[in-house]
Amino acid sequence: MSKQITVRLPDELVEFMDRLVDDNKASSRASVVARAMERERRRELAERDAAILAEYGEPSDLDGLASYAGGTALSDLD
């Protein structure tokens, strides 16, 4: 399900989005905005996780997982 919204953006951001679409790096302006929002959501989650780790410390049993995740390519970020 999706919801249509109206957003005002500076001209330079719209021009950037249009270049991405023109260069076939995005299928539409909406896809650029959705991708940016997904990145922001992941950033917020990572910031929250970092705050939790800072408060409680990092459990040593997650060291292997952290190493693996650190080397995992996130193709949707390219």
PDB file of N, CA and C in Angstrom:
ATOM      1  N   MET A   1       0.847  -1.174   0.000  1.00  0.00           N
ATOM      2  CA  MET A   1       0.000   0.000   0.000  1.00  0.00           C
ATOM      3  C   MET A   1       0.889   1.233   0.000  1.00  0.00           C
ATOM      4  N   SER A   2       0.473   2.230  -0.669  1.00  0.00           N
ATOM      5  CA  SER A   2       1.212   3.486  -0.677  1.00  0.00           C
ATOM      6  C   SER A   2       0.234   4.643  -0.536  1.00  0.00           C
ATOM      7  N   LYS A   3       0.789   5.781  -0.188  1.00  0.00           N
ATOM      8  CA  LYS A   3      -0.018   6.971   0.011  1.00  0.00           C
ATOM      9  C   LYS A   3       0.627   8.115  -0.755  1.00  0.00           C
ATOM     10  N   GLN A   4      -0.162   8.860  -1.471  1.00  0.00           N
ATOM     11  CA  GLN A   4       0.350  10.014  -2.207  1.00  0.00           C
ATOM     12  C   GLN A   4       0.412  11.220  -1.286  1.00  0.00           C
ATOM     13  N   ILE A   5       1.562  11.920  -1.325  1.00  0.00           N
ATOM     14  CA  ILE A   5       1.733  13.123  -0.526  1.00  0.00           C
ATOM     15  C   ILE A   5       2.292  14.225  -1.421  1.00  0.00           C
ATOM     16  N   THR A   6       2.219  15.434  -0.935  1.00  0.00           N
ATOM     17  CA  THR A   6       2.796  16.574  -1.645  1.00  0.00           C
ATOM     18  C   THR A   6       3.967  17.088  -0.820  1.00  0.00           C
ATOM     19  N   VAL A   7       5.098  17.298  -1.495  1.00  0.00           N
ATOM     20  CA  VAL A   7       6.306  17.748  -0.817  1.00  0.00           C
ATOM     21  C   VAL A   7       6.911  18.898  -1.605  1.00  0.00           C
ATOM     22  N   ARG A   8       7.339  19.927  -0.907  1.00  0.00           N
ATOM     23  CA  ARG A   8       8.061  21.038  -1.548  1.00  0.00           C
ATOM     24  C   ARG A   8       9.550  20.814  -1.312  1.00  0.00           C
ATOM     25  N   LEU A   9      10.309  20.879  -2.409  1.00  0.00           N
ATOM     26  CA  LEU A   9      11.747  20.699  -2.322  1.00  0.00           C
ATOM     27  C   LEU A   9      12.446  21.835  -3.047  1.00  0.00           C
ATOM     28  N   PRO A  10      13.653  22.167  -2.622  1.00  0.00           N
ATOM     29  CA  PRO A  10      14.416  23.195  -3.337  1.00  0.00           C
ATOM     30  C   PRO A  10      14.677  22.755  -4.779  1.00  0.00           C
ATOM     31  N   ASP A  11      14.772  23.735  -5.667  1.00  0.00           N
ATOM     32  CA  ASP A  11      14.981  23.454  -7.087  1.00  0.00           C
ATOM     33  C   ASP A  11      16.168  22.533  -7.323  1.00  0.00           C
ATOM     34  N   GLU A  12      17.272  22.751  -6.596  1.00  0.00           N
ATOM     35  CA  GLU A  12      18.463  21.940  -6.842  1.00  0.00           C
ATOM     36  C   GLU A  12      18.253  20.472  -6.506  1.00  0.00           C
ATOM     37  N   LEU A  13      17.418  20.174  -5.516  1.00  0.00           N
ATOM     38  CA  LEU A  13      17.117  18.784  -5.208  1.00  0.00           C
ATOM     39  C   LEU A  13      16.246  18.156  -6.287  1.00  0.00           C
ATOM     40  N   VAL A  14      15.289  18.910  -6.795  1.00  0.00           N
ATOM     41  CA  VAL A  14      14.440  18.403  -7.875  1.00  0.00           C
ATOM     42  C   VAL A  14      15.280  18.159  -9.128  1.00  0.00           C
ATOM     43  N   GLU A  15      16.198  19.073  -9.417  1.00  0.00           N
ATOM     44  CA  GLU A  15      17.086  18.895 -10.565  1.00  0.00           C
ATOM     45  C   GLU A  15      17.952  17.650 -10.387  1.00  0.00           C
ATOM     46  N   PHE A  16      18.430  17.430  -9.177  1.00  0.00           N
ATOM     47  CA  PHE A  16      19.219  16.238  -8.889  1.00  0.00           C
ATOM     48  C   PHE A  16      18.388  14.977  -9.115  1.00  0.00           C
ATOM     49  N   MET A  17      17.160  14.971  -8.602  1.00  0.00           N
ATOM     50  CA  MET A  17      16.283  13.817  -8.810  1.00  0.00           C
ATOM     51  C   MET A  17      16.040  13.580 -10.290  1.00  0.00           C
ATOM     52  N   ASP A  18      15.798  14.645 -11.040  1.00  0.00           N
ATOM     53  CA  ASP A  18      15.552  14.510 -12.467  1.00  0.00           C
ATOM     54  C   ASP A  18      16.775  13.936 -13.193  1.00  0.00           C
ATOM     55  N   ARG A  19      17.979  14.334 -12.761  1.00  0.00           N
ATOM     56  CA  ARG A  19      19.192  13.776 -13.366  1.00  0.00           C
ATOM     57  C   ARG A  19      19.295  12.278 -13.087  1.00  0.00           C
ATOM     58  N   LEU A  20      18.963  11.868 -11.867  1.00  0.00           N
ATOM     59  CA  LEU A  20      18.981  10.440 -11.536  1.00  0.00           C
ATOM     60  C   LEU A  20      18.027   9.662 -12.435  1.00  0.00           C
ATOM     61  N   VAL A  21      16.848  10.219 -12.648  1.00  0.00           N
ATOM     62  CA  VAL A  21      15.861   9.560 -13.513  1.00  0.00           C
ATOM     63  C   VAL A  21      16.354   9.558 -14.955  1.00  0.00           C
ATOM     64  N   ASP A  22      16.857  10.696 -15.440  1.00  0.00           N
ATOM     65  CA  ASP A  22      17.359  10.791 -16.812  1.00  0.00           C
ATOM     66  C   ASP A  22      18.517   9.839 -17.070  1.00  0.00           C
ATOM     67  N   ASP A  23      19.362   9.624 -16.044  1.00  0.00           N
ATOM     68  CA  ASP A  23      20.516   8.730 -16.175  1.00  0.00           C
ATOM     69  C   ASP A  23      20.157   7.276 -15.871  1.00  0.00           C
ATOM     70  N   ASN A  24      18.864   6.995 -15.737  1.00  0.00           N
ATOM     71  CA  ASN A  24      18.375   5.640 -15.423  1.00  0.00           C
ATOM     72  C   ASN A  24      18.939   5.094 -14.115  1.00  0.00           C
ATOM     73  N   LYS A  25      19.214   5.973 -13.172  1.00  0.00           N
ATOM     74  CA  LYS A  25      19.658   5.563 -11.842  1.00  0.00           C
ATOM     75  C   LYS A  25      18.471   5.460 -10.893  1.00  0.00           C
ATOM     76  N   ALA A  26      17.322   5.908 -11.356  1.00  0.00           N
ATOM     77  CA  ALA A  26      16.071   5.811 -10.598  1.00  0.00           C
ATOM     78  C   ALA A  26      14.933   5.754 -11.603  1.00  0.00           C
ATOM     79  N   SER A  27      13.863   5.101 -11.220  1.00  0.00           N
ATOM     80  CA  SER A  27      12.733   4.960 -12.148  1.00  0.00           C
ATOM     81  C   SER A  27      11.803   6.168 -12.126  1.00  0.00           C
ATOM     82  N   SER A  28      11.834   6.933 -11.033  1.00  0.00           N
ATOM     83  CA  SER A  28      10.942   8.089 -10.917  1.00  0.00           C
ATOM     84  C   SER A  28      11.395   8.972  -9.764  1.00  0.00           C
ATOM     85  N   ARG A  29      10.844  10.161  -9.719  1.00  0.00           N
ATOM     86  CA  ARG A  29      11.110  11.037  -8.569  1.00  0.00           C
ATOM     87  C   ARG A  29      10.654  10.366  -7.285  1.00  0.00           C
ATOM     88  N   ALA A  30       9.504   9.725  -7.346  1.00  0.00           N
ATOM     89  CA  ALA A  30       8.959   9.056  -6.159  1.00  0.00           C
ATOM     90  C   ALA A  30       9.914   7.986  -5.654  1.00  0.00           C
ATOM     91  N   SER A  31      10.551   7.252  -6.561  1.00  0.00           N
ATOM     92  CA  SER A  31      11.480   6.208  -6.126  1.00  0.00           C
ATOM     93  C   SER A  31      12.712   6.815  -5.459  1.00  0.00           C
ATOM     94  N   VAL A  32      13.140   7.990  -5.926  1.00  0.00           N
ATOM     95  CA  VAL A  32      14.278   8.673  -5.292  1.00  0.00           C
ATOM     96  C   VAL A  32      13.904   9.076  -3.867  1.00  0.00           C
ATOM     97  N   VAL A  33      12.728   9.646  -3.702  1.00  0.00           N
ATOM     98  CA  VAL A  33      12.275  10.064  -2.373  1.00  0.00           C
ATOM     99  C   VAL A  33      12.114   8.850  -1.463  1.00  0.00           C
ATOM    100  N   ALA A  34      11.522   7.782  -1.970  1.00  0.00           N
ATOM    101  CA  ALA A  34      11.321   6.579  -1.157  1.00  0.00           C
ATOM    102  C   ALA A  34      12.665   5.995  -0.722  1.00  0.00           C
ATOM    103  N   ARG A  35      13.629   5.953  -1.641  1.00  0.00           N
ATOM    104  CA  ARG A  35      14.949   5.422  -1.321  1.00  0.00           C
ATOM    105  C   ARG A  35      15.618   6.294  -0.248  1.00  0.00           C
ATOM    106  N   ALA A  36      15.501   7.599  -0.381  1.00  0.00           N
ATOM    107  CA  ALA A  36      16.086   8.507   0.604  1.00  0.00           C
ATOM    108  C   ALA A  36      15.440   8.316   1.978  1.00  0.00           C
ATOM    109  N   MET A  37      14.141   8.117   2.001  1.00  0.00           N
ATOM    110  CA  MET A  37      13.451   7.919   3.273  1.00  0.00           C
ATOM    111  C   MET A  37      13.831   6.584   3.904  1.00  0.00           C
ATOM    112  N   GLU A  38      14.037   5.553   3.091  1.00  0.00           N
ATOM    113  CA  GLU A  38      14.488   4.262   3.626  1.00  0.00           C
ATOM    114  C   GLU A  38      15.874   4.406   4.252  1.00  0.00           C
ATOM    115  N   ARG A  39      16.742   5.149   3.592  1.00  0.00           N
ATOM    116  CA  ARG A  39      18.069   5.394   4.158  1.00  0.00           C
ATOM    117  C   ARG A  39      17.972   6.144   5.479  1.00  0.00           C
ATOM    118  N   GLU A  40      17.109   7.136   5.532  1.00  0.00           N
ATOM    119  CA  GLU A  40      16.940   7.909   6.762  1.00  0.00           C
ATOM    120  C   GLU A  40      16.395   7.026   7.877  1.00  0.00           C
ATOM    121  N   ARG A  41      15.466   6.144   7.529  1.00  0.00           N
ATOM    122  CA  ARG A  41      14.927   5.228   8.538  1.00  0.00           C
ATOM    123  C   ARG A  41      16.028   4.315   9.078  1.00  0.00           C
ATOM    124  N   ARG A  42      16.870   3.782   8.180  1.00  0.00           N
ATOM    125  CA  ARG A  42      17.969   2.923   8.622  1.00  0.00           C
ATOM    126  C   ARG A  42      18.970   3.709   9.466  1.00  0.00           C
ATOM    127  N   ARG A  43      19.222   4.978   9.103  1.00  0.00           N
ATOM    128  CA  ARG A  43      20.125   5.813   9.878  1.00  0.00           C
ATOM    129  C   ARG A  43      19.589   6.026  11.290  1.00  0.00           C
ATOM    130  N   GLU A  44      18.298   6.304  11.383  1.00  0.00           N
ATOM    131  CA  GLU A  44      17.661   6.492  12.699  1.00  0.00           C
ATOM    132  C   GLU A  44      17.772   5.222  13.543  1.00  0.00           C
ATOM    133  N   LEU A  45      17.540   4.063  12.933  1.00  0.00           N
ATOM    134  CA  LEU A  45      17.647   2.804  13.667  1.00  0.00           C
ATOM    135  C   LEU A  45      19.081   2.566  14.135  1.00  0.00           C
ATOM    136  N   ALA A  46      20.043   2.857  13.264  1.00  0.00           N
ATOM    137  CA  ALA A  46      21.444   2.683  13.635  1.00  0.00           C
ATOM    138  C   ALA A  46      21.819   3.632  14.761  1.00  0.00           C
ATOM    139  N   GLU A  47      21.320   4.862  14.704  1.00  0.00           N
ATOM    140  CA  GLU A  47      21.587   5.832  15.770  1.00  0.00           C
ATOM    141  C   GLU A  47      21.002   5.351  17.092  1.00  0.00           C
ATOM    142  N   ARG A  48      19.805   4.801  17.046  1.00  0.00           N
ATOM    143  CA  ARG A  48      19.179   4.256  18.258  1.00  0.00           C
ATOM    144  C   ARG A  48      19.999   3.096  18.810  1.00  0.00           C
ATOM    145  N   ASP A  49      20.419   2.189  17.904  1.00  0.00           N
ATOM    146  CA  ASP A  49      21.216   1.039  18.331  1.00  0.00           C
ATOM    147  C   ASP A  49      22.542   1.487  18.944  1.00  0.00           C
ATOM    148  N   ALA A  50      23.162   2.499  18.350  1.00  0.00           N
ATOM    149  CA  ALA A  50      24.426   3.007  18.875  1.00  0.00           C
ATOM    150  C   ALA A  50      24.234   3.590  20.275  1.00  0.00           C
ATOM    151  N   ALA A  51      23.116   4.266  20.481  1.00  0.00           N
ATOM    152  CA  ALA A  51      22.834   4.829  21.811  1.00  0.00           C
ATOM    153  C   ALA A  51      22.644   3.717  22.834  1.00  0.00           C
ATOM    154  N   ILE A  52      21.964   2.658  22.438  1.00  0.00           N
ATOM    155  CA  ILE A  52      21.767   1.520  23.349  1.00  0.00           C
ATOM    156  C   ILE A  52      23.110   0.888  23.692  1.00  0.00           C
ATOM    157  N   LEU A  53      23.949   0.681  22.666  1.00  0.00           N
ATOM    158  CA  LEU A  53      25.264   0.088  22.917  1.00  0.00           C
ATOM    159  C   LEU A  53      26.122   0.995  23.788  1.00  0.00           C
ATOM    160  N   ALA A  54      26.025   2.299  23.583  1.00  0.00           N
ATOM    161  CA  ALA A  54      26.795   3.234  24.399  1.00  0.00           C
ATOM    162  C   ALA A  54      26.359   3.177  25.857  1.00  0.00           C
ATOM    163  N   GLU A  55      25.064   2.982  26.064  1.00  0.00           N
ATOM    164  CA  GLU A  55      24.550   2.947  27.442  1.00  0.00           C
ATOM    165  C   GLU A  55      24.834   1.620  28.133  1.00  0.00           C
ATOM    166  N   TYR A  56      24.644   0.520  27.421  1.00  0.00           N
ATOM    167  CA  TYR A  56      24.730  -0.799  28.053  1.00  0.00           C
ATOM    168  C   TYR A  56      25.988  -1.578  27.689  1.00  0.00           C
ATOM    169  N   GLY A  57      26.759  -1.086  26.741  1.00  0.00           N
ATOM    170  CA  GLY A  57      27.945  -1.821  26.308  1.00  0.00           C
ATOM    171  C   GLY A  57      27.587  -2.853  25.255  1.00  0.00           C
ATOM    172  N   GLU A  58      28.595  -3.253  24.525  1.00  0.00           N
ATOM    173  CA  GLU A  58      28.377  -4.207  23.443  1.00  0.00           C
ATOM    174  C   GLU A  58      28.645  -5.615  23.953  1.00  0.00           C
ATOM    175  N   PRO A  59      27.661  -6.498  23.878  1.00  0.00           N
ATOM    176  CA  PRO A  59      27.890  -7.870  24.313  1.00  0.00           C
ATOM    177  C   PRO A  59      28.903  -8.564  23.395  1.00  0.00           C
ATOM    178  N   SER A  60      29.832  -9.285  23.983  1.00  0.00           N
ATOM    179  CA  SER A  60      30.892  -9.918  23.203  1.00  0.00           C
ATOM    180  C   SER A  60      30.360 -11.009  22.288  1.00  0.00           C
ATOM    181  N   ASP A  61      29.192 -11.589  22.581  1.00  0.00           N
ATOM    182  CA  ASP A  61      28.670 -12.663  21.732  1.00  0.00           C
ATOM    183  C   ASP A  61      28.167 -12.132  20.386  1.00  0.00           C
ATOM    184  N   LEU A  62      28.127 -10.817  20.210  1.00  0.00           N
ATOM    185  CA  LEU A  62      27.704 -10.246  18.934  1.00  0.00           C
ATOM    186  C   LEU A  62      28.885  -9.808  18.072  1.00  0.00           C
ATOM    187  N   ASP A  63      30.109 -10.022  18.543  1.00  0.00           N
ATOM    188  CA  ASP A  63      31.274  -9.592  17.787  1.00  0.00           C
ATOM    189  C   ASP A  63      31.318 -10.225  16.399  1.00  0.00           C
ATOM    190  N   GLY A  64      31.050 -11.498  16.317  1.00  0.00           N
ATOM    191  CA  GLY A  64      31.064 -12.182  15.026  1.00  0.00           C
ATOM    192  C   GLY A  64      30.007 -11.642  14.088  1.00  0.00           C
ATOM    193  N   LEU A  65      28.826 -11.393  14.617  1.00  0.00           N
ATOM    194  CA  LEU A  65      27.749 -10.835  13.802  1.00  0.00           C
ATOM    195  C   LEU A  65      28.100  -9.439  13.316  1.00  0.00           C
ATOM    196  N   ALA A  66      28.685  -8.638  14.171  1.00  0.00           N
ATOM    197  CA  ALA A  66      29.067  -7.282  13.781  1.00  0.00           C
ATOM    198  C   ALA A  66      30.110  -7.314  12.674  1.00  0.00           C
ATOM    199  N   SER A  67      31.069  -8.217  12.769  1.00  0.00           N
ATOM    200  CA  SER A  67      32.093  -8.338  11.724  1.00  0.00           C
ATOM    201  C   SER A  67      31.463  -8.752  10.403  1.00  0.00           C
ATOM    202  N   TYR A  68      30.561  -9.723  10.470  1.00  0.00           N
ATOM    203  CA  TYR A  68      29.886 -10.180   9.251  1.00  0.00           C
ATOM    204  C   TYR A  68      29.054  -9.051   8.646  1.00  0.00           C
ATOM    205  N   ALA A  69      28.260  -8.374   9.464  1.00  0.00           N
ATOM    206  CA  ALA A  69      27.389  -7.312   8.961  1.00  0.00           C
ATOM    207  C   ALA A  69      28.200  -6.160   8.396  1.00  0.00           C
ATOM    208  N   GLY A  70      29.341  -5.877   8.990  1.00  0.00           N
ATOM    209  CA  GLY A  70      30.192  -4.796   8.503  1.00  0.00           C
ATOM    210  C   GLY A  70      30.732  -5.059   7.115  1.00  0.00           C
ATOM    211  N   GLY A  71      30.845  -6.313   6.736  1.00  0.00           N
ATOM    212  CA  GLY A  71      31.338  -6.648   5.415  1.00  0.00           C
ATOM    213  C   GLY A  71      30.253  -6.948   4.401  1.00  0.00           C
ATOM    214  N   THR A  72      28.999  -6.790   4.800  1.00  0.00           N
ATOM    215  CA  THR A  72      27.883  -7.093   3.904  1.00  0.00           C
ATOM    216  C   THR A  72      27.571  -5.891   3.024  1.00  0.00           C
ATOM    217  N   ALA A  73      27.554  -6.136   1.724  1.00  0.00           N
ATOM    218  CA  ALA A  73      27.231  -5.060   0.779  1.00  0.00           C
ATOM    219  C   ALA A  73      25.735  -4.806   0.799  1.00  0.00           C
ATOM    220  N   LEU A  74      25.362  -3.544   0.832  1.00  0.00           N
ATOM    221  CA  LEU A  74      23.955  -3.141   0.779  1.00  0.00           C
ATOM    222  C   LEU A  74      23.710  -2.550  -0.600  1.00  0.00           C
ATOM    223  N   SER A  75      23.330  -3.399  -1.528  1.00  0.00           N
ATOM    224  CA  SER A  75      23.220  -2.976  -2.929  1.00  0.00           C
ATOM    225  C   SER A  75      22.192  -1.880  -3.147  1.00  0.00           C
ATOM    226  N   ASP A  76      21.197  -1.781  -2.284  1.00  0.00           N
ATOM    227  CA  ASP A  76      20.185  -0.743  -2.472  1.00  0.00           C
ATOM    228  C   ASP A  76      20.726   0.644  -2.120  1.00  0.00           C
ATOM    229  N   LEU A  77      21.931   0.732  -1.566  1.00  0.00           N
ATOM    230  CA  LEU A  77      22.518   2.023  -1.234  1.00  0.00           C
ATOM    231  C   LEU A  77      23.385   2.574  -2.357  1.00  0.00           C
ATOM    232  N   ASP A  78      23.596   1.773  -3.370  1.00  0.00           N
ATOM    233  CA  ASP A  78      24.436   2.233  -4.502  1.00  0.00           C
ATOM    234  C   ASP A  78      23.707   3.186  -5.389  1.00  0.00           C
TER     235      ASP A  78
END
